[in-house]
Amino acid sequence: MAKFSYASYLFLVLLVFSTVEAKRELESDGSKRCGITLDPNGCNLSTCKEQCFKEYNGNGECSSNNTGKFKCVCFYNCSPVGPN
């Protein structure tokens, strides 16, 4: 059986995290913004923007992933903004 080095384990962990769909929350001015990866395998900007707008009423962006390729990420309001 082959021995695994620390680099092998690190690569495996990075691979797992890069393939899991990520959801993030950002706060600014009291409103919450969420981000979700729509396509981790590639990004066409116009398709990404359209899909994000239709599904989440948000803004789709192409973002670089750990492998040097791009992924489609959608940022949207995940909670209503309270009264000012």
PDB file of N, CA and C in Angstrom:
ATOM      1  N   MET A   1       0.847  -1.180   0.000  1.00  0.00           N
ATOM      2  CA  MET A   1       0.000   0.000   0.000  1.00  0.00           C
ATOM      3  C   MET A   1       0.894   1.245   0.000  1.00  0.00           C
ATOM      4  N   ALA A   2       0.582   2.199  -0.831  1.00  0.00           N
ATOM      5  CA  ALA A   2       1.385   3.406  -0.959  1.00  0.00           C
ATOM      6  C   ALA A   2       1.187   4.308   0.249  1.00  0.00           C
ATOM      7  N   LYS A   3       2.258   5.001   0.632  1.00  0.00           N
ATOM      8  CA  LYS A   3       2.174   5.954   1.743  1.00  0.00           C
ATOM      9  C   LYS A   3       1.725   7.299   1.187  1.00  0.00           C
ATOM     10  N   PHE A   4       0.855   7.973   1.964  1.00  0.00           N
ATOM     11  CA  PHE A   4       0.386   9.295   1.569  1.00  0.00           C
ATOM     12  C   PHE A   4       1.169  10.355   2.322  1.00  0.00           C
ATOM     13  N   SER A   5       1.598  11.356   1.620  1.00  0.00           N
ATOM     14  CA  SER A   5       2.305  12.461   2.255  1.00  0.00           C
ATOM     15  C   SER A   5       1.291  13.524   2.673  1.00  0.00           C
ATOM     16  N   TYR A   6       1.763  14.500   3.425  1.00  0.00           N
ATOM     17  CA  TYR A   6       0.897  15.600   3.826  1.00  0.00           C
ATOM     18  C   TYR A   6       0.363  16.347   2.606  1.00  0.00           C
ATOM     19  N   ALA A   7       1.175  16.469   1.575  1.00  0.00           N
ATOM     20  CA  ALA A   7       0.757  17.149   0.352  1.00  0.00           C
ATOM     21  C   ALA A   7      -0.402  16.399  -0.308  1.00  0.00           C
ATOM     22  N   SER A   8      -0.373  15.078  -0.261  1.00  0.00           N
ATOM     23  CA  SER A   8      -1.461  14.281  -0.837  1.00  0.00           C
ATOM     24  C   SER A   8      -2.761  14.513  -0.085  1.00  0.00           C
ATOM     25  N   TYR A   9      -2.679  14.532   1.240  1.00  0.00           N
ATOM     26  CA  TYR A   9      -3.878  14.792   2.044  1.00  0.00           C
ATOM     27  C   TYR A   9      -4.404  16.202   1.813  1.00  0.00           C
ATOM     28  N   LEU A  10      -3.497  17.173   1.718  1.00  0.00           N
ATOM     29  CA  LEU A  10      -3.901  18.550   1.465  1.00  0.00           C
ATOM     30  C   LEU A  10      -4.591  18.664   0.111  1.00  0.00           C
ATOM     31  N   PHE A  11      -4.030  18.005  -0.901  1.00  0.00           N
ATOM     32  CA  PHE A  11      -4.640  18.025  -2.231  1.00  0.00           C
ATOM     33  C   PHE A  11      -6.043  17.416  -2.193  1.00  0.00           C
ATOM     34  N   LEU A  12      -6.190  16.315  -1.480  1.00  0.00           N
ATOM     35  CA  LEU A  12      -7.482  15.656  -1.362  1.00  0.00           C
ATOM     36  C   LEU A  12      -8.509  16.559  -0.683  1.00  0.00           C
ATOM     37  N   VAL A  13      -8.108  17.230   0.376  1.00  0.00           N
ATOM     38  CA  VAL A  13      -9.009  18.142   1.085  1.00  0.00           C
ATOM     39  C   VAL A  13      -9.410  19.301   0.178  1.00  0.00           C
ATOM     40  N   LEU A  14      -8.445  19.883  -0.538  1.00  0.00           N
ATOM     41  CA  LEU A  14      -8.752  20.986  -1.452  1.00  0.00           C
ATOM     42  C   LEU A  14      -9.682  20.540  -2.569  1.00  0.00           C
ATOM     43  N   LEU A  15      -9.484  19.339  -3.053  1.00  0.00           N
ATOM     44  CA  LEU A  15     -10.340  18.803  -4.108  1.00  0.00           C
ATOM     45  C   LEU A  15     -11.777  18.661  -3.620  1.00  0.00           C
ATOM     46  N   VAL A  16     -11.949  18.148  -2.417  1.00  0.00           N
ATOM     47  CA  VAL A  16     -13.293  17.989  -1.856  1.00  0.00           C
ATOM     48  C   VAL A  16     -13.960  19.341  -1.682  1.00  0.00           C
ATOM     49  N   PHE A  17     -13.235  20.309  -1.110  1.00  0.00           N
ATOM     50  CA  PHE A  17     -13.826  21.624  -0.888  1.00  0.00           C
ATOM     51  C   PHE A  17     -14.124  22.356  -2.191  1.00  0.00           C
ATOM     52  N   SER A  18     -13.333  22.110  -3.219  1.00  0.00           N
ATOM     53  CA  SER A  18     -13.568  22.812  -4.482  1.00  0.00           C
ATOM     54  C   SER A  18     -14.776  22.252  -5.236  1.00  0.00           C
ATOM     55  N   THR A  19     -15.181  21.018  -4.938  1.00  0.00           N
ATOM     56  CA  THR A  19     -16.316  20.439  -5.643  1.00  0.00           C
ATOM     57  C   THR A  19     -17.630  20.581  -4.888  1.00  0.00           C
ATOM     58  N   VAL A  20     -17.568  20.955  -3.636  1.00  0.00           N
ATOM     59  CA  VAL A  20     -18.783  21.126  -2.843  1.00  0.00           C
ATOM     60  C   VAL A  20     -19.374  22.494  -3.153  1.00  0.00           C
ATOM     61  N   GLU A  21     -20.666  22.543  -3.346  1.00  0.00           N
ATOM     62  CA  GLU A  21     -21.328  23.809  -3.629  1.00  0.00           C
ATOM     63  C   GLU A  21     -21.258  24.698  -2.402  1.00  0.00           C
ATOM     64  N   ALA A  22     -20.717  25.896  -2.591  1.00  0.00           N
ATOM     65  CA  ALA A  22     -20.504  26.803  -1.466  1.00  0.00           C
ATOM     66  C   ALA A  22     -21.621  27.838  -1.394  1.00  0.00           C
ATOM     67  N   LYS A  23     -22.000  28.164  -0.176  1.00  0.00           N
ATOM     68  CA  LYS A  23     -22.983  29.215   0.051  1.00  0.00           C
ATOM     69  C   LYS A  23     -22.400  30.166   1.082  1.00  0.00           C
ATOM     70  N   ARG A  24     -22.355  31.452   0.742  1.00  0.00           N
ATOM     71  CA  ARG A  24     -21.756  32.433   1.626  1.00  0.00           C
ATOM     72  C   ARG A  24     -22.759  33.529   1.943  1.00  0.00           C
ATOM     73  N   GLU A  25     -22.626  34.122   3.109  1.00  0.00           N
ATOM     74  CA  GLU A  25     -23.445  35.256   3.481  1.00  0.00           C
ATOM     75  C   GLU A  25     -22.550  36.466   3.678  1.00  0.00           C
ATOM     76  N   LEU A  26     -22.949  37.592   3.113  1.00  0.00           N
ATOM     77  CA  LEU A  26     -22.228  38.845   3.246  1.00  0.00           C
ATOM     78  C   LEU A  26     -23.186  39.873   3.820  1.00  0.00           C
ATOM     79  N   GLU A  27     -22.699  40.718   4.706  1.00  0.00           N
ATOM     80  CA  GLU A  27     -23.550  41.752   5.279  1.00  0.00           C
ATOM     81  C   GLU A  27     -23.009  43.118   4.910  1.00  0.00           C
ATOM     82  N   SER A  28     -23.902  44.002   4.488  1.00  0.00           N
ATOM     83  CA  SER A  28     -23.559  45.389   4.249  1.00  0.00           C
ATOM     84  C   SER A  28     -24.831  46.217   4.405  1.00  0.00           C
ATOM     85  N   ASP A  29     -24.736  47.281   5.122  1.00  0.00           N
ATOM     86  CA  ASP A  29     -25.864  48.182   5.356  1.00  0.00           C
ATOM     87  C   ASP A  29     -27.055  47.465   5.970  1.00  0.00           C
ATOM     88  N   GLY A  30     -26.840  46.479   6.806  1.00  0.00           N
ATOM     89  CA  GLY A  30     -27.924  45.785   7.487  1.00  0.00           C
ATOM     90  C   GLY A  30     -28.639  44.739   6.654  1.00  0.00           C
ATOM     91  N   SER A  31     -28.331  44.630   5.379  1.00  0.00           N
ATOM     92  CA  SER A  31     -28.980  43.614   4.541  1.00  0.00           C
ATOM     93  C   SER A  31     -28.014  42.453   4.352  1.00  0.00           C
ATOM     94  N   LYS A  32     -28.558  41.274   4.186  1.00  0.00           N
ATOM     95  CA  LYS A  32     -27.713  40.101   3.987  1.00  0.00           C
ATOM     96  C   LYS A  32     -27.690  39.730   2.517  1.00  0.00           C
ATOM     97  N   ARG A  33     -26.493  39.463   2.026  1.00  0.00           N
ATOM     98  CA  ARG A  33     -26.302  38.988   0.662  1.00  0.00           C
ATOM     99  C   ARG A  33     -25.743  37.577   0.755  1.00  0.00           C
ATOM    100  N   CYS A  34     -26.269  36.702  -0.052  1.00  0.00           N
ATOM    101  CA  CYS A  34     -25.788  35.329  -0.097  1.00  0.00           C
ATOM    102  C   CYS A  34     -25.146  35.071  -1.446  1.00  0.00           C
ATOM    103  N   GLY A  35     -24.255  34.112  -1.461  1.00  0.00           N
ATOM    104  CA  GLY A  35     -23.624  33.691  -2.704  1.00  0.00           C
ATOM    105  C   GLY A  35     -23.688  32.184  -2.811  1.00  0.00           C
ATOM    106  N   ILE A  36     -24.011  31.711  -4.003  1.00  0.00           N
ATOM    107  CA  ILE A  36     -24.088  30.270  -4.231  1.00  0.00           C
ATOM    108  C   ILE A  36     -23.449  29.954  -5.576  1.00  0.00           C
ATOM    109  N   THR A  37     -22.717  28.855  -5.626  1.00  0.00           N
ATOM    110  CA  THR A  37     -22.092  28.430  -6.872  1.00  0.00           C
ATOM    111  C   THR A  37     -23.123  27.696  -7.723  1.00  0.00           C
ATOM    112  N   LEU A  38     -23.399  28.243  -8.908  1.00  0.00           N
ATOM    113  CA  LEU A  38     -24.370  27.616  -9.809  1.00  0.00           C
ATOM    114  C   LEU A  38     -23.711  26.569 -10.697  1.00  0.00           C
ATOM    115  N   ASP A  39     -22.488  26.823 -11.135  1.00  0.00           N
ATOM    116  CA  ASP A  39     -21.772  25.868 -11.986  1.00  0.00           C
ATOM    117  C   ASP A  39     -20.295  25.886 -11.615  1.00  0.00           C
ATOM    118  N   PRO A  40     -19.816  24.860 -10.904  1.00  0.00           N
ATOM    119  CA  PRO A  40     -18.406  24.840 -10.501  1.00  0.00           C
ATOM    120  C   PRO A  40     -17.451  24.438 -11.620  1.00  0.00           C
ATOM    121  N   ASN A  41     -17.975  24.004 -12.757  1.00  0.00           N
ATOM    122  CA  ASN A  41     -17.142  23.449 -13.821  1.00  0.00           C
ATOM    123  C   ASN A  41     -16.827  24.399 -14.964  1.00  0.00           C
ATOM    124  N   GLY A  42     -17.395  25.586 -14.955  1.00  0.00           N
ATOM    125  CA  GLY A  42     -17.144  26.532 -16.027  1.00  0.00           C
ATOM    126  C   GLY A  42     -18.077  27.713 -15.913  1.00  0.00           C
ATOM    127  N   CYS A  43     -17.812  28.748 -16.708  1.00  0.00           N
ATOM    128  CA  CYS A  43     -18.653  29.943 -16.625  1.00  0.00           C
ATOM    129  C   CYS A  43     -18.738  30.644 -17.974  1.00  0.00           C
ATOM    130  N   ASN A  44     -19.958  30.839 -18.435  1.00  0.00           N
ATOM    131  CA  ASN A  44     -20.262  31.704 -19.563  1.00  0.00           C
ATOM    132  C   ASN A  44     -20.992  32.885 -18.930  1.00  0.00           C
ATOM    133  N   LEU A  45     -20.407  34.079 -18.997  1.00  0.00           N
ATOM    134  CA  LEU A  45     -20.917  35.219 -18.236  1.00  0.00           C
ATOM    135  C   LEU A  45     -22.382  35.528 -18.525  1.00  0.00           C
ATOM    136  N   SER A  46     -22.782  35.558 -19.779  1.00  0.00           N
ATOM    137  CA  SER A  46     -24.171  35.901 -20.090  1.00  0.00           C
ATOM    138  C   SER A  46     -25.139  34.838 -19.572  1.00  0.00           C
ATOM    139  N   THR A  47     -24.774  33.568 -19.695  1.00  0.00           N
ATOM    140  CA  THR A  47     -25.613  32.484 -19.185  1.00  0.00           C
ATOM    141  C   THR A  47     -25.670  32.516 -17.663  1.00  0.00           C
ATOM    142  N   CYS A  48     -24.541  32.784 -17.036  1.00  0.00           N
ATOM    143  CA  CYS A  48     -24.463  32.854 -15.579  1.00  0.00           C
ATOM    144  C   CYS A  48     -25.358  33.973 -15.048  1.00  0.00           C
ATOM    145  N   LYS A  49     -25.259  35.154 -15.653  1.00  0.00           N
ATOM    146  CA  LYS A  49     -26.083  36.291 -15.225  1.00  0.00           C
ATOM    147  C   LYS A  49     -27.572  35.986 -15.406  1.00  0.00           C
ATOM    148  N   GLU A  50     -27.926  35.402 -16.541  1.00  0.00           N
ATOM    149  CA  GLU A  50     -29.324  35.092 -16.825  1.00  0.00           C
ATOM    150  C   GLU A  50     -29.877  34.058 -15.844  1.00  0.00           C
ATOM    151  N   GLN A  51     -29.134  32.987 -15.606  1.00  0.00           N
ATOM    152  CA  GLN A  51     -29.591  31.943 -14.688  1.00  0.00           C
ATOM    153  C   GLN A  51     -29.736  32.486 -13.270  1.00  0.00           C
ATOM    154  N   CYS A  52     -28.798  33.290 -12.827  1.00  0.00           N
ATOM    155  CA  CYS A  52     -28.839  33.856 -11.483  1.00  0.00           C
ATOM    156  C   CYS A  52     -30.036  34.789 -11.332  1.00  0.00           C
ATOM    157  N   PHE A  53     -30.269  35.611 -12.335  1.00  0.00           N
ATOM    158  CA  PHE A  53     -31.398  36.548 -12.270  1.00  0.00           C
ATOM    159  C   PHE A  53     -32.726  35.798 -12.238  1.00  0.00           C
ATOM    160  N   LYS A  54     -32.857  34.765 -13.086  1.00  0.00           N
ATOM    161  CA  LYS A  54     -34.109  34.009 -13.151  1.00  0.00           C
ATOM    162  C   LYS A  54     -34.376  33.217 -11.875  1.00  0.00           C
ATOM    163  N   GLU A  55     -33.347  32.580 -11.322  1.00  0.00           N
ATOM    164  CA  GLU A  55     -33.527  31.696 -10.174  1.00  0.00           C
ATOM    165  C   GLU A  55     -33.502  32.417  -8.829  1.00  0.00           C
ATOM    166  N   TYR A  56     -32.715  33.504  -8.725  1.00  0.00           N
ATOM    167  CA  TYR A  56     -32.530  34.153  -7.432  1.00  0.00           C
ATOM    168  C   TYR A  56     -32.762  35.661  -7.444  1.00  0.00           C
ATOM    169  N   ASN A  57     -33.081  36.221  -8.618  1.00  0.00           N
ATOM    170  CA  ASN A  57     -33.193  37.674  -8.769  1.00  0.00           C
ATOM    171  C   ASN A  57     -31.899  38.332  -8.297  1.00  0.00           C
ATOM    172  N   GLY A  58     -30.773  37.738  -8.688  1.00  0.00           N
ATOM    173  CA  GLY A  58     -29.469  38.204  -8.228  1.00  0.00           C
ATOM    174  C   GLY A  58     -28.537  38.553  -9.368  1.00  0.00           C
ATOM    175  N   ASN A  59     -27.263  38.665  -9.033  1.00  0.00           N
ATOM    176  CA  ASN A  59     -26.232  39.045  -9.995  1.00  0.00           C
ATOM    177  C   ASN A  59     -25.228  37.903 -10.140  1.00  0.00           C
ATOM    178  N   GLY A  60     -25.131  37.326 -11.325  1.00  0.00           N
ATOM    179  CA  GLY A  60     -24.201  36.239 -11.594  1.00  0.00           C
ATOM    180  C   GLY A  60     -22.852  36.759 -12.027  1.00  0.00           C
ATOM    181  N   GLU A  61     -21.797  36.136 -11.519  1.00  0.00           N
ATOM    182  CA  GLU A  61     -20.425  36.538 -11.850  1.00  0.00           C
ATOM    183  C   GLU A  61     -19.572  35.304 -12.108  1.00  0.00           C
ATOM    184  N   CYS A  62     -18.568  35.456 -12.951  1.00  0.00           N
ATOM    185  CA  CYS A  62     -17.581  34.403 -13.148  1.00  0.00           C
ATOM    186  C   CYS A  62     -16.442  34.640 -12.169  1.00  0.00           C
ATOM    187  N   SER A  63     -16.118  33.610 -11.409  1.00  0.00           N
ATOM    188  CA  SER A  63     -15.088  33.715 -10.383  1.00  0.00           C
ATOM    189  C   SER A  63     -14.074  32.598 -10.590  1.00  0.00           C
ATOM    190  N   SER A  64     -12.809  32.907 -10.361  1.00  0.00           N
ATOM    191  CA  SER A  64     -11.752  31.912 -10.516  1.00  0.00           C
ATOM    192  C   SER A  64     -11.825  30.897  -9.379  1.00  0.00           C
ATOM    193  N   ASN A  65     -11.644  29.617  -9.720  1.00  0.00           N
ATOM    194  CA  ASN A  65     -11.606  28.589  -8.676  1.00  0.00           C
ATOM    195  C   ASN A  65     -10.162  28.181  -8.420  1.00  0.00           C
ATOM    196  N   ASN A  66      -9.947  27.199  -7.578  1.00  0.00           N
ATOM    197  CA  ASN A  66      -8.599  26.800  -7.177  1.00  0.00           C
ATOM    198  C   ASN A  66      -7.777  26.174  -8.290  1.00  0.00           C
ATOM    199  N   THR A  67      -8.412  25.739  -9.374  1.00  0.00           N
ATOM    200  CA  THR A  67      -7.694  25.069 -10.445  1.00  0.00           C
ATOM    201  C   THR A  67      -7.348  26.005 -11.604  1.00  0.00           C
ATOM    202  N   GLY A  68      -7.662  27.293 -11.467  1.00  0.00           N
ATOM    203  CA  GLY A  68      -7.378  28.249 -12.525  1.00  0.00           C
ATOM    204  C   GLY A  68      -8.501  28.379 -13.536  1.00  0.00           C
ATOM    205  N   LYS A  69      -9.555  27.591 -13.368  1.00  0.00           N
ATOM    206  CA  LYS A  69     -10.720  27.698 -14.242  1.00  0.00           C
ATOM    207  C   LYS A  69     -11.726  28.636 -13.587  1.00  0.00           C
ATOM    208  N   PHE A  70     -12.826  28.902 -14.280  1.00  0.00           N
ATOM    209  CA  PHE A  70     -13.845  29.794 -13.743  1.00  0.00           C
ATOM    210  C   PHE A  70     -15.103  29.026 -13.371  1.00  0.00           C
ATOM    211  N   LYS A  71     -15.831  29.570 -12.387  1.00  0.00           N
ATOM    212  CA  LYS A  71     -17.104  29.004 -11.952  1.00  0.00           C
ATOM    213  C   LYS A  71     -18.131  30.123 -11.927  1.00  0.00           C
ATOM    214  N   CYS A  72     -19.403  29.753 -12.067  1.00  0.00           N
ATOM    215  CA  CYS A  72     -20.502  30.721 -12.030  1.00  0.00           C
ATOM    216  C   CYS A  72     -20.986  30.847 -10.593  1.00  0.00           C
ATOM    217  N   VAL A  73     -20.925  32.067 -10.056  1.00  0.00           N
ATOM    218  CA  VAL A  73     -21.362  32.335  -8.686  1.00  0.00           C
ATOM    219  C   VAL A  73     -22.476  33.369  -8.733  1.00  0.00           C
ATOM    220  N   CYS A  74     -23.536  33.123  -7.970  1.00  0.00           N
ATOM    221  CA  CYS A  74     -24.693  34.014  -7.932  1.00  0.00           C
ATOM    222  C   CYS A  74     -24.762  34.697  -6.563  1.00  0.00           C
ATOM    223  N   PHE A  75     -24.841  36.029  -6.562  1.00  0.00           N
ATOM    224  CA  PHE A  75     -25.007  36.804  -5.331  1.00  0.00           C
ATOM    225  C   PHE A  75     -26.420  37.386  -5.332  1.00  0.00           C
ATOM    226  N   TYR A  76     -27.121  37.188  -4.217  1.00  0.00           N
ATOM    227  CA  TYR A  76     -28.528  37.606  -4.130  1.00  0.00           C
ATOM    228  C   TYR A  76     -28.875  37.992  -2.704  1.00  0.00           C
ATOM    229  N   ASN A  77     -30.007  38.692  -2.531  1.00  0.00           N
ATOM    230  CA  ASN A  77     -30.489  39.037  -1.198  1.00  0.00           C
ATOM    231  C   ASN A  77     -31.085  37.797  -0.553  1.00  0.00           C
ATOM    232  N   CYS A  78     -30.545  37.400   0.596  1.00  0.00           N
ATOM    233  CA  CYS A  78     -31.055  36.184   1.240  1.00  0.00           C
ATOM    234  C   CYS A  78     -31.974  36.503   2.410  1.00  0.00           C
ATOM    235  N   SER A  79     -32.122  37.747   2.753  1.00  0.00           N
ATOM    236  CA  SER A  79     -33.102  38.142   3.757  1.00  0.00           C
ATOM    237  C   SER A  79     -33.616  39.529   3.417  1.00  0.00           C
ATOM    238  N   PRO A  80     -34.855  39.794   3.752  1.00  0.00           N
ATOM    239  CA  PRO A  80     -35.403  41.110   3.421  1.00  0.00           C
ATOM    240  C   PRO A  80     -34.715  42.209   4.228  1.00  0.00           C
ATOM    241  N   VAL A  81     -34.644  43.368   3.614  1.00  0.00           N
ATOM    242  CA  VAL A  81     -34.066  44.538   4.279  1.00  0.00           C
ATOM    243  C   VAL A  81     -35.137  45.146   5.168  1.00  0.00           C
ATOM    244  N   GLY A  82     -34.800  45.423   6.401  1.00  0.00           N
ATOM    245  CA  GLY A  82     -35.750  46.018   7.332  1.00  0.00           C
ATOM    246  C   GLY A  82     -36.045  47.474   6.996  1.00  0.00           C
ATOM    247  N   PRO A  83     -37.073  48.061   7.640  1.00  0.00           N
ATOM    248  CA  PRO A  83     -37.420  49.449   7.374  1.00  0.00           C
ATOM    249  C   PRO A  83     -36.326  50.393   7.830  1.00  0.00           C
ATOM    250  N   ASN A  84     -36.126  51.470   7.086  1.00  0.00           N
ATOM    251  CA  ASN A  84     -35.080  52.452   7.420  1.00  0.00           C
ATOM    252  C   ASN A  84     -35.574  53.485   8.376  1.00  0.00           C
TER     253      ASN A  84
END
